[in-house]
Structures are given as C-alpha cells and as structure tokens.
C-alpha cells in the first residue's frame, strides 16, 4: 500500500465526475434555466407595459381633473359675471328682473356642475374599463382563465376604496 496521496488519484474517476457534471449542467441550462429566463424576461416586459399603461391612465385622469377644474372655474367666472350683471340690474330694474337673473345664474352654474360631473363620470368609467382590461389581461396571462365578473368586482372595489380616501 502506497501512502503517497498523489498516487491515489484516479484520473478516470475525476474525468467521469467532470463529464457527468458538464452533461448535467448543459441539460439543466437547456431544459430549465433558458425557459425560466425567457419567462422572467417576458414577465418584465409585461410589467413594464402595465406600468406605462397605468402612467398613461393616471395622466389622462389628471388631464380630466384639470379640464373639470377649468370648466368649474369658467362656470364660476360666468356665474360671477351674471351676478355682477344682476347687481347692476338691481339698481336699475325691479325685483322681478333681479329674480330672473339669479335664476339664470343658478341654471348656468347647475349646467356647469352637471357638465363637470358628467365629464368626471365618463373619465372614471373609461379609467375603470381600461383598468379592468389591464387587470383582466394580466390575470389571464398569470393564472389562465379568469372570471370577468370577479375581475370587475375587484376593480370596482379598488376604485371605491381609492374614492373613499
């Protein structure tokens, strides 16, 4: 029996282990790692697309809010002009004319409020539909078939929670 440790090395065994390791490595890389990396890259692309759609929806919502504020400011300005005209007429005209001008100002203000409310509702409905489509597509790709009623329920619940804040 030789006590030299270098003499006990079996090159065929080392070569066999190295070959098994390399075959296992390349098989795992081809069968497992490559598809996993592809799935992760596709998921990252979908997430980035969803983020950009969300940013676009938020931008549209902010634009709608600005337009609504503009309409409200214009309605207030219009109401202010009508109120000023009513004050001038009050001096010149009788009580009947003053009441008519006040009613006209209220009608314009109510119309402006209705327009703002209708615009806001339409933008919220459009946002809800876009959010529903995005969530539905995301869930469909993540888990397969999704019940649209459940997705609609979740989207409506999320929007209601945001409005209650």
N, C-alpha and C. Protein backbone atom coordinates (compact mmCIF):
# COMPACT_ATOMS: atom_id res chain seq x y z
N UNK A 1 0.83 -1.18 0.00
CA UNK A 1 0.00 0.00 0.00
C UNK A 1 0.88 1.25 0.00
N UNK A 2 0.58 2.16 -0.91
CA UNK A 2 1.37 3.37 -1.08
C UNK A 2 0.71 4.48 -0.28
N UNK A 3 1.51 5.21 0.45
CA UNK A 3 0.96 6.27 1.29
C UNK A 3 1.02 7.65 0.61
N UNK A 4 1.47 7.71 -0.58
CA UNK A 4 1.56 8.96 -1.30
C UNK A 4 0.16 9.34 -1.80
N UNK A 5 -0.40 10.52 -1.35
CA UNK A 5 -1.76 10.88 -1.75
C UNK A 5 -1.90 11.14 -3.25
N UNK A 6 -0.87 11.55 -3.91
CA UNK A 6 -0.96 11.81 -5.34
C UNK A 6 -1.06 10.51 -6.14
N UNK A 7 -0.57 9.45 -5.57
CA UNK A 7 -0.64 8.17 -6.25
C UNK A 7 -2.03 7.58 -6.18
N UNK A 8 -2.86 8.06 -5.26
CA UNK A 8 -4.20 7.50 -5.07
C UNK A 8 -5.24 8.19 -5.94
N UNK A 9 -4.86 9.22 -6.67
CA UNK A 9 -5.80 9.95 -7.52
C UNK A 9 -6.12 9.08 -8.73
N UNK A 10 -7.43 8.91 -8.98
CA UNK A 10 -7.88 8.12 -10.13
C UNK A 10 -8.37 9.09 -11.19
N UNK A 11 -7.60 9.28 -12.25
CA UNK A 11 -7.94 10.26 -13.28
C UNK A 11 -9.22 9.89 -14.04
N UNK A 12 -9.50 8.60 -14.19
CA UNK A 12 -10.74 8.20 -14.87
C UNK A 12 -11.97 8.58 -14.04
N UNK A 13 -11.86 8.43 -12.73
CA UNK A 13 -12.99 8.80 -11.87
C UNK A 13 -13.21 10.31 -11.90
N UNK A 14 -12.14 11.08 -11.86
CA UNK A 14 -12.25 12.54 -11.91
C UNK A 14 -12.82 12.97 -13.26
N UNK A 15 -12.33 12.35 -14.34
CA UNK A 15 -12.85 12.68 -15.67
C UNK A 15 -14.32 12.30 -15.78
N UNK A 16 -14.71 11.16 -15.19
CA UNK A 16 -16.12 10.74 -15.22
C UNK A 16 -17.01 11.71 -14.46
N UNK A 17 -16.56 12.14 -13.27
CA UNK A 17 -17.34 13.11 -12.48
C UNK A 17 -17.45 14.43 -13.23
N UNK A 18 -16.33 14.87 -13.85
CA UNK A 18 -16.37 16.12 -14.61
C UNK A 18 -17.32 16.00 -15.80
N UNK A 19 -17.31 14.87 -16.48
CA UNK A 19 -18.21 14.67 -17.62
C UNK A 19 -19.66 14.67 -17.17
N UNK A 20 -19.94 13.97 -16.07
CA UNK A 20 -21.32 13.95 -15.54
C UNK A 20 -21.75 15.36 -15.15
N UNK A 21 -20.86 16.09 -14.52
CA UNK A 21 -21.18 17.46 -14.12
C UNK A 21 -21.49 18.32 -15.34
N UNK A 22 -20.65 18.24 -16.38
CA UNK A 22 -20.86 19.06 -17.56
C UNK A 22 -22.15 18.68 -18.29
N UNK A 23 -22.42 17.40 -18.41
CA UNK A 23 -23.66 16.96 -19.07
C UNK A 23 -24.86 17.46 -18.28
N UNK A 24 -24.80 17.30 -16.94
CA UNK A 24 -25.91 17.75 -16.10
C UNK A 24 -26.08 19.27 -16.21
N UNK A 25 -24.96 19.99 -16.20
CA UNK A 25 -25.02 21.44 -16.30
C UNK A 25 -25.67 21.88 -17.61
N UNK A 26 -25.24 21.32 -18.73
CA UNK A 26 -25.80 21.72 -20.02
C UNK A 26 -27.26 21.30 -20.18
N UNK A 27 -27.61 20.15 -19.64
CA UNK A 27 -29.02 19.74 -19.69
C UNK A 27 -29.90 20.67 -18.86
N UNK A 28 -29.45 20.99 -17.66
CA UNK A 28 -30.22 21.92 -16.83
C UNK A 28 -30.31 23.30 -17.46
N UNK A 29 -29.22 23.72 -18.05
CA UNK A 29 -29.24 25.03 -18.69
C UNK A 29 -30.23 25.06 -19.85
N UNK A 30 -30.25 24.03 -20.64
CA UNK A 30 -31.14 24.00 -21.80
C UNK A 30 -32.59 23.76 -21.40
N UNK A 31 -32.82 22.84 -20.47
CA UNK A 31 -34.18 22.44 -20.13
C UNK A 31 -34.81 23.36 -19.09
N UNK A 32 -34.03 23.85 -18.16
CA UNK A 32 -34.63 24.60 -17.04
C UNK A 32 -34.28 26.08 -17.08
N UNK A 33 -33.01 26.41 -17.14
CA UNK A 33 -32.62 27.80 -16.98
C UNK A 33 -33.02 28.67 -18.16
N UNK A 34 -32.85 28.22 -19.38
CA UNK A 34 -33.20 29.02 -20.56
C UNK A 34 -34.70 29.35 -20.58
N UNK A 35 -35.61 28.36 -20.40
CA UNK A 35 -37.03 28.71 -20.38
C UNK A 35 -37.39 29.62 -19.20
N UNK A 36 -36.74 29.40 -18.07
CA UNK A 36 -37.02 30.24 -16.91
C UNK A 36 -36.60 31.68 -17.17
N UNK A 37 -35.46 31.86 -17.77
CA UNK A 37 -35.01 33.21 -18.09
C UNK A 37 -35.93 33.86 -19.12
N UNK A 38 -36.39 33.10 -20.11
CA UNK A 38 -37.34 33.64 -21.09
C UNK A 38 -38.63 34.09 -20.43
N UNK A 39 -39.14 33.27 -19.53
CA UNK A 39 -40.39 33.61 -18.83
C UNK A 39 -40.19 34.87 -17.99
N UNK A 40 -39.07 34.96 -17.31
CA UNK A 40 -38.81 36.13 -16.47
C UNK A 40 -38.68 37.40 -17.32
N UNK A 41 -38.03 37.30 -18.49
CA UNK A 41 -37.89 38.47 -19.35
C UNK A 41 -39.24 38.90 -19.91
N UNK A 42 -40.07 37.92 -20.31
CA UNK A 42 -41.41 38.26 -20.82
C UNK A 42 -42.25 38.89 -19.72
N UNK A 43 -42.11 38.40 -18.52
CA UNK A 43 -42.85 38.95 -17.38
C UNK A 43 -42.42 40.39 -17.13
N UNK A 44 -41.12 40.65 -17.22
CA UNK A 44 -40.62 42.01 -17.03
C UNK A 44 -41.17 42.95 -18.09
N UNK A 45 -41.26 42.48 -19.33
CA UNK A 45 -41.81 43.30 -20.41
C UNK A 45 -43.30 43.59 -20.15
N UNK A 46 -44.04 42.56 -19.73
CA UNK A 46 -45.47 42.77 -19.44
C UNK A 46 -45.65 43.74 -18.28
N UNK A 47 -44.81 43.63 -17.28
CA UNK A 47 -44.92 44.53 -16.13
C UNK A 47 -44.61 45.96 -16.55
N UNK A 48 -43.62 46.15 -17.39
CA UNK A 48 -43.28 47.49 -17.85
C UNK A 48 -44.41 48.07 -18.70
N UNK A 49 -45.02 47.23 -19.52
CA UNK A 49 -46.16 47.68 -20.33
C UNK A 49 -47.32 48.08 -19.43
N UNK A 50 -47.57 47.28 -18.42
CA UNK A 50 -48.66 47.61 -17.48
C UNK A 50 -48.36 48.90 -16.75
N UNK A 51 -47.10 49.10 -16.37
CA UNK A 51 -46.73 50.35 -15.68
C UNK A 51 -46.93 51.55 -16.60
N UNK A 52 -46.55 51.41 -17.86
CA UNK A 52 -46.72 52.53 -18.77
C UNK A 52 -48.20 52.82 -19.02
N UNK A 53 -49.00 51.75 -19.11
CA UNK A 53 -50.45 51.97 -19.28
C UNK A 53 -51.04 52.64 -18.04
N UNK A 54 -50.56 52.24 -16.87
CA UNK A 54 -51.06 52.86 -15.64
C UNK A 54 -50.67 54.34 -15.61
N UNK A 55 -49.42 54.65 -16.00
CA UNK A 55 -48.99 56.04 -16.03
C UNK A 55 -49.83 56.84 -17.02
N UNK A 56 -50.14 56.24 -18.16
CA UNK A 56 -50.98 56.91 -19.15
C UNK A 56 -52.39 57.15 -18.60
N UNK A 57 -52.93 56.14 -17.90
CA UNK A 57 -54.26 56.30 -17.32
C UNK A 57 -54.25 57.38 -16.25
N UNK A 58 -53.20 57.43 -15.44
CA UNK A 58 -53.11 58.48 -14.43
C UNK A 58 -52.98 59.85 -15.08
N UNK A 59 -52.22 59.92 -16.18
CA UNK A 59 -52.08 61.18 -16.88
C UNK A 59 -53.43 61.62 -17.46
N UNK A 60 -54.16 60.67 -18.04
CA UNK A 60 -55.49 61.01 -18.59
C UNK A 60 -56.43 61.46 -17.49
N UNK A 61 -56.36 60.79 -16.35
CA UNK A 61 -57.21 61.18 -15.23
C UNK A 61 -56.84 62.57 -14.74
N UNK A 62 -55.56 62.86 -14.68
CA UNK A 62 -55.12 64.19 -14.25
C UNK A 62 -55.56 65.25 -15.26
N UNK A 63 -55.47 64.93 -16.55
CA UNK A 63 -55.96 65.86 -17.58
C UNK A 63 -57.46 66.11 -17.42
N UNK A 64 -58.19 65.04 -17.14
CA UNK A 64 -59.63 65.19 -16.95
C UNK A 64 -59.93 66.05 -15.73
N UNK A 65 -59.15 65.86 -14.68
CA UNK A 65 -59.36 66.69 -13.48
C UNK A 65 -59.07 68.16 -13.78
N UNK A 66 -57.97 68.40 -14.54
CA UNK A 66 -57.65 69.78 -14.89
C UNK A 66 -58.75 70.41 -15.75
N UNK A 67 -59.26 69.62 -16.71
CA UNK A 67 -60.36 70.13 -17.54
C UNK A 67 -61.60 70.40 -16.70
N UNK A 68 -61.87 69.51 -15.76
CA UNK A 68 -63.03 69.70 -14.89
C UNK A 68 -62.85 70.96 -14.04
N UNK A 69 -61.63 71.16 -13.53
CA UNK A 69 -61.38 72.38 -12.76
C UNK A 69 -61.51 73.62 -13.64
N UNK A 70 -61.05 73.51 -14.89
CA UNK A 70 -61.19 74.62 -15.82
C UNK A 70 -62.66 74.94 -16.10
N UNK A 71 -63.44 73.88 -16.31
CA UNK A 71 -64.88 74.10 -16.53
C UNK A 71 -65.54 74.70 -15.30
N UNK A 72 -65.13 74.22 -14.13
CA UNK A 72 -65.69 74.76 -12.89
C UNK A 72 -65.30 76.22 -12.72
N UNK A 73 -64.03 76.55 -13.03
CA UNK A 73 -63.59 77.94 -12.93
C UNK A 73 -64.35 78.80 -13.93
N UNK A 74 -64.54 78.29 -15.15
CA UNK A 74 -65.29 79.05 -16.15
C UNK A 74 -66.74 79.24 -15.71
N UNK A 75 -67.30 78.18 -15.12
CA UNK A 75 -68.68 78.29 -14.63
C UNK A 75 -68.76 79.30 -13.49
N UNK A 76 -67.77 79.28 -12.62
CA UNK A 76 -67.77 80.27 -11.52
C UNK A 76 -67.58 81.68 -12.06
N UNK A 77 -66.70 81.81 -13.06
CA UNK A 77 -66.50 83.12 -13.67
C UNK A 77 -67.78 83.60 -14.34
N UNK A 78 -68.41 82.67 -15.05
CA UNK A 78 -69.69 83.00 -15.70
C UNK A 78 -70.73 83.39 -14.65
N UNK A 79 -70.77 82.62 -13.57
CA UNK A 79 -71.73 82.94 -12.50
C UNK A 79 -71.40 84.29 -11.88
N UNK A 80 -70.09 84.59 -11.76
CA UNK A 80 -69.70 85.89 -11.22
C UNK A 80 -70.12 87.03 -12.13
N UNK A 81 -69.94 86.81 -13.44
CA UNK A 81 -70.38 87.85 -14.39
C UNK A 81 -71.89 88.06 -14.34
N UNK A 82 -72.59 86.95 -14.26
CA UNK A 82 -74.06 87.07 -14.19
C UNK A 82 -74.47 87.74 -12.88
N UNK A 83 -73.76 87.40 -11.79
CA UNK A 83 -74.08 88.04 -10.51
C UNK A 83 -73.81 89.54 -10.57
N UNK A 84 -72.69 89.92 -11.22
CA UNK A 84 -72.40 91.34 -11.37
C UNK A 84 -73.48 92.03 -12.21
N UNK A 85 -73.89 91.37 -13.28
CA UNK A 85 -74.96 91.95 -14.11
C UNK A 85 -76.25 92.07 -13.30
N UNK A 86 -76.49 91.06 -12.45
CA UNK A 86 -77.70 91.11 -11.63
C UNK A 86 -77.64 92.28 -10.64
N UNK A 87 -76.43 92.54 -10.09
CA UNK A 87 -76.30 93.68 -9.15
C UNK A 87 -76.56 95.01 -9.87
N UNK A 88 -76.02 95.12 -11.11
CA UNK A 88 -76.26 96.34 -11.87
C UNK A 88 -77.74 96.52 -12.20
N UNK A 89 -78.37 95.40 -12.56
CA UNK A 89 -79.79 95.47 -12.89
C UNK A 89 -80.64 95.75 -11.66
N UNK A 90 -80.13 95.30 -10.49
CA UNK A 90 -80.90 95.52 -9.26
C UNK A 90 -81.10 97.00 -9.03
N UNK A 91 -80.07 97.77 -9.33
CA UNK A 91 -80.18 99.21 -9.15
C UNK A 91 -81.16 99.77 -10.17
N UNK A 92 -81.11 99.28 -11.40
CA UNK A 92 -81.90 99.84 -12.48
C UNK A 92 -83.27 99.21 -12.62
N UNK A 93 -83.38 97.95 -12.27
CA UNK A 93 -84.62 97.25 -12.58
C UNK A 93 -85.39 96.90 -11.31
N UNK A 94 -86.50 96.32 -11.51
CA UNK A 94 -87.39 95.95 -10.41
C UNK A 94 -86.98 94.59 -9.85
N UNK A 95 -87.64 94.16 -8.82
CA UNK A 95 -87.34 92.90 -8.15
C UNK A 95 -87.56 91.71 -9.07
N UNK A 96 -88.45 91.78 -9.98
CA UNK A 96 -88.73 90.68 -10.91
C UNK A 96 -87.55 90.37 -11.83
N UNK A 97 -86.92 91.43 -12.31
CA UNK A 97 -85.75 91.22 -13.17
C UNK A 97 -84.58 90.67 -12.39
N UNK A 98 -84.44 91.10 -11.15
CA UNK A 98 -83.35 90.56 -10.33
C UNK A 98 -83.54 89.07 -10.07
N UNK A 99 -84.74 88.63 -9.83
CA UNK A 99 -85.01 87.21 -9.60
C UNK A 99 -84.72 86.38 -10.85
N UNK A 100 -85.05 86.92 -12.02
CA UNK A 100 -84.79 86.19 -13.27
C UNK A 100 -83.28 86.03 -13.51
N UNK A 101 -82.51 87.07 -13.23
CA UNK A 101 -81.05 86.98 -13.42
C UNK A 101 -80.44 85.97 -12.45
N UNK A 102 -80.93 85.96 -11.22
CA UNK A 102 -80.44 84.98 -10.24
C UNK A 102 -80.77 83.55 -10.66
N UNK A 103 -81.98 83.35 -11.19
CA UNK A 103 -82.37 82.02 -11.66
C UNK A 103 -81.50 81.60 -12.85
N UNK A 104 -81.20 82.55 -13.72
CA UNK A 104 -80.35 82.25 -14.88
C UNK A 104 -78.94 81.87 -14.42
N UNK A 105 -78.41 82.60 -13.43
CA UNK A 105 -77.08 82.28 -12.91
C UNK A 105 -77.06 80.88 -12.29
N UNK A 106 -78.08 80.54 -11.55
CA UNK A 106 -78.16 79.22 -10.95
C UNK A 106 -78.25 78.12 -12.02
N UNK A 107 -79.00 78.41 -13.07
CA UNK A 107 -79.13 77.42 -14.15
C UNK A 107 -77.79 77.19 -14.83
N UNK A 108 -77.06 78.27 -15.10
CA UNK A 108 -75.74 78.12 -15.74
C UNK A 108 -74.78 77.40 -14.80
N UNK A 109 -74.81 77.75 -13.54
CA UNK A 109 -73.94 77.07 -12.57
C UNK A 109 -74.30 75.59 -12.45
N UNK A 110 -75.60 75.29 -12.42
CA UNK A 110 -76.03 73.89 -12.35
C UNK A 110 -75.63 73.14 -13.61
N UNK A 111 -75.78 73.82 -14.77
CA UNK A 111 -75.36 73.20 -16.02
C UNK A 111 -73.86 72.93 -16.02
N UNK A 112 -73.10 73.90 -15.53
CA UNK A 112 -71.64 73.71 -15.44
C UNK A 112 -71.28 72.56 -14.51
N UNK A 113 -71.96 72.49 -13.38
CA UNK A 113 -71.71 71.39 -12.44
C UNK A 113 -72.09 70.05 -13.07
N UNK A 114 -73.22 70.04 -13.78
CA UNK A 114 -73.63 68.80 -14.45
C UNK A 114 -72.61 68.38 -15.51
N UNK A 115 -72.10 69.35 -16.27
CA UNK A 115 -71.09 69.03 -17.27
C UNK A 115 -69.83 68.47 -16.63
N UNK A 116 -69.39 69.12 -15.54
CA UNK A 116 -68.20 68.65 -14.83
C UNK A 116 -68.43 67.25 -14.29
N UNK A 117 -69.60 67.04 -13.70
CA UNK A 117 -69.91 65.73 -13.13
C UNK A 117 -70.00 64.66 -14.23
N UNK A 118 -70.63 65.00 -15.34
CA UNK A 118 -70.73 64.04 -16.45
C UNK A 118 -69.35 63.72 -17.03
N UNK A 119 -68.51 64.74 -17.18
CA UNK A 119 -67.16 64.50 -17.68
C UNK A 119 -66.36 63.64 -16.71
N UNK A 120 -66.48 63.92 -15.45
CA UNK A 120 -65.76 63.13 -14.45
C UNK A 120 -66.25 61.68 -14.46
N UNK A 121 -67.56 61.49 -14.53
CA UNK A 121 -68.10 60.12 -14.55
C UNK A 121 -67.64 59.37 -15.80
N UNK A 122 -67.66 60.06 -16.94
CA UNK A 122 -67.23 59.38 -18.16
C UNK A 122 -65.75 59.02 -18.09
N UNK A 123 -64.92 59.91 -17.56
CA UNK A 123 -63.49 59.62 -17.43
C UNK A 123 -63.25 58.50 -16.41
N UNK A 124 -64.02 58.51 -15.31
CA UNK A 124 -63.88 57.43 -14.33
C UNK A 124 -64.32 56.10 -14.92
N UNK A 125 -65.38 56.12 -15.71
CA UNK A 125 -65.85 54.88 -16.34
C UNK A 125 -64.83 54.37 -17.35
N UNK A 126 -64.25 55.29 -18.11
CA UNK A 126 -63.22 54.90 -19.07
C UNK A 126 -61.99 54.35 -18.36
N UNK A 127 -61.61 55.00 -17.27
CA UNK A 127 -60.48 54.52 -16.49
C UNK A 127 -60.77 53.14 -15.91
N UNK A 128 -62.00 52.96 -15.42
CA UNK A 128 -62.38 51.66 -14.86
C UNK A 128 -62.33 50.58 -15.94
N UNK A 129 -62.79 50.89 -17.16
CA UNK A 129 -62.75 49.90 -18.23
C UNK A 129 -61.31 49.59 -18.63
N UNK A 130 -60.46 50.62 -18.71
CA UNK A 130 -59.06 50.37 -19.04
C UNK A 130 -58.38 49.57 -17.94
N UNK A 131 -58.68 49.91 -16.70
CA UNK A 131 -58.11 49.16 -15.58
C UNK A 131 -58.61 47.73 -15.59
N UNK A 132 -59.89 47.56 -15.91
CA UNK A 132 -60.47 46.22 -16.00
C UNK A 132 -59.78 45.41 -17.09
N UNK A 133 -59.54 46.05 -18.23
CA UNK A 133 -58.87 45.35 -19.33
C UNK A 133 -57.44 44.98 -18.94
N UNK A 134 -56.73 45.91 -18.32
CA UNK A 134 -55.33 45.64 -17.92
C UNK A 134 -55.27 44.54 -16.88
N UNK A 135 -56.14 44.64 -15.87
CA UNK A 135 -56.14 43.62 -14.82
C UNK A 135 -56.56 42.28 -15.39
N UNK A 136 -57.57 42.28 -16.25
CA UNK A 136 -58.02 41.03 -16.86
C UNK A 136 -56.92 40.39 -17.69
N UNK A 137 -56.24 41.19 -18.50
CA UNK A 137 -55.15 40.65 -19.32
C UNK A 137 -54.02 40.13 -18.45
N UNK A 138 -53.68 40.90 -17.43
CA UNK A 138 -52.58 40.48 -16.54
C UNK A 138 -52.93 39.18 -15.84
N UNK A 139 -54.14 39.11 -15.28
CA UNK A 139 -54.53 37.89 -14.58
C UNK A 139 -54.65 36.71 -15.54
N UNK A 140 -55.16 36.97 -16.74
CA UNK A 140 -55.30 35.88 -17.71
C UNK A 140 -53.93 35.32 -18.09
N UNK A 141 -52.96 36.18 -18.19
CA UNK A 141 -51.63 35.70 -18.54
C UNK A 141 -50.94 35.05 -17.35
N UNK A 142 -51.27 35.49 -16.16
CA UNK A 142 -50.60 34.94 -14.98
C UNK A 142 -51.23 33.62 -14.53
N UNK A 143 -52.57 33.56 -14.53
CA UNK A 143 -53.22 32.37 -13.98
C UNK A 143 -54.08 31.63 -14.98
N UNK A 144 -54.19 32.11 -16.18
CA UNK A 144 -55.01 31.42 -17.19
C UNK A 144 -56.39 32.04 -17.29
N UNK A 145 -57.39 31.22 -17.30
CA UNK A 145 -58.77 31.67 -17.47
C UNK A 145 -59.25 32.35 -16.20
N UNK A 146 -59.86 33.55 -16.37
CA UNK A 146 -60.31 34.34 -15.23
C UNK A 146 -61.76 34.73 -15.46
N UNK A 147 -62.57 34.66 -14.42
CA UNK A 147 -63.97 35.05 -14.49
C UNK A 147 -64.04 36.57 -14.51
N UNK A 148 -64.66 37.13 -15.57
CA UNK A 148 -64.69 38.57 -15.73
C UNK A 148 -65.50 39.25 -14.62
N UNK A 149 -66.51 38.56 -14.10
CA UNK A 149 -67.29 39.16 -13.00
C UNK A 149 -66.42 39.38 -11.77
N UNK A 150 -65.55 38.43 -11.49
CA UNK A 150 -64.66 38.58 -10.33
C UNK A 150 -63.67 39.72 -10.55
N UNK A 151 -63.14 39.82 -11.76
CA UNK A 151 -62.20 40.90 -12.06
C UNK A 151 -62.91 42.24 -11.95
N UNK A 152 -64.12 42.33 -12.50
CA UNK A 152 -64.88 43.58 -12.42
C UNK A 152 -65.17 43.94 -10.96
N UNK A 153 -65.50 42.93 -10.16
CA UNK A 153 -65.75 43.17 -8.74
C UNK A 153 -64.50 43.73 -8.06
N UNK A 154 -63.35 43.15 -8.35
CA UNK A 154 -62.10 43.61 -7.72
C UNK A 154 -61.74 45.02 -8.17
N UNK A 155 -61.91 45.31 -9.45
CA UNK A 155 -61.59 46.64 -9.96
C UNK A 155 -62.52 47.68 -9.35
N UNK A 156 -63.81 47.38 -9.31
CA UNK A 156 -64.77 48.32 -8.71
C UNK A 156 -64.47 48.53 -7.23
N UNK A 157 -64.09 47.47 -6.57
CA UNK A 157 -63.76 47.57 -5.14
C UNK A 157 -62.51 48.43 -4.94
N UNK A 158 -61.51 48.26 -5.79
CA UNK A 158 -60.29 49.05 -5.69
C UNK A 158 -60.58 50.53 -5.96
N UNK A 159 -61.38 50.81 -6.98
CA UNK A 159 -61.73 52.21 -7.28
C UNK A 159 -62.56 52.82 -6.16
N UNK A 160 -63.47 52.04 -5.58
CA UNK A 160 -64.27 52.55 -4.47
C UNK A 160 -63.40 52.84 -3.28
N UNK A 161 -62.41 52.01 -3.03
CA UNK A 161 -61.51 52.23 -1.91
C UNK A 161 -60.68 53.49 -2.14
N UNK A 162 -60.28 53.73 -3.38
CA UNK A 162 -59.50 54.93 -3.69
C UNK A 162 -60.37 56.18 -3.52
N UNK A 163 -61.64 56.11 -3.92
CA UNK A 163 -62.51 57.27 -3.79
C UNK A 163 -62.84 57.57 -2.33
N UNK A 164 -62.86 56.56 -1.49
CA UNK A 164 -63.23 56.78 -0.10
C UNK A 164 -62.09 57.42 0.69
N UNK A 165 -60.87 57.40 0.12
CA UNK A 165 -59.73 58.02 0.84
C UNK A 165 -59.78 59.48 0.77
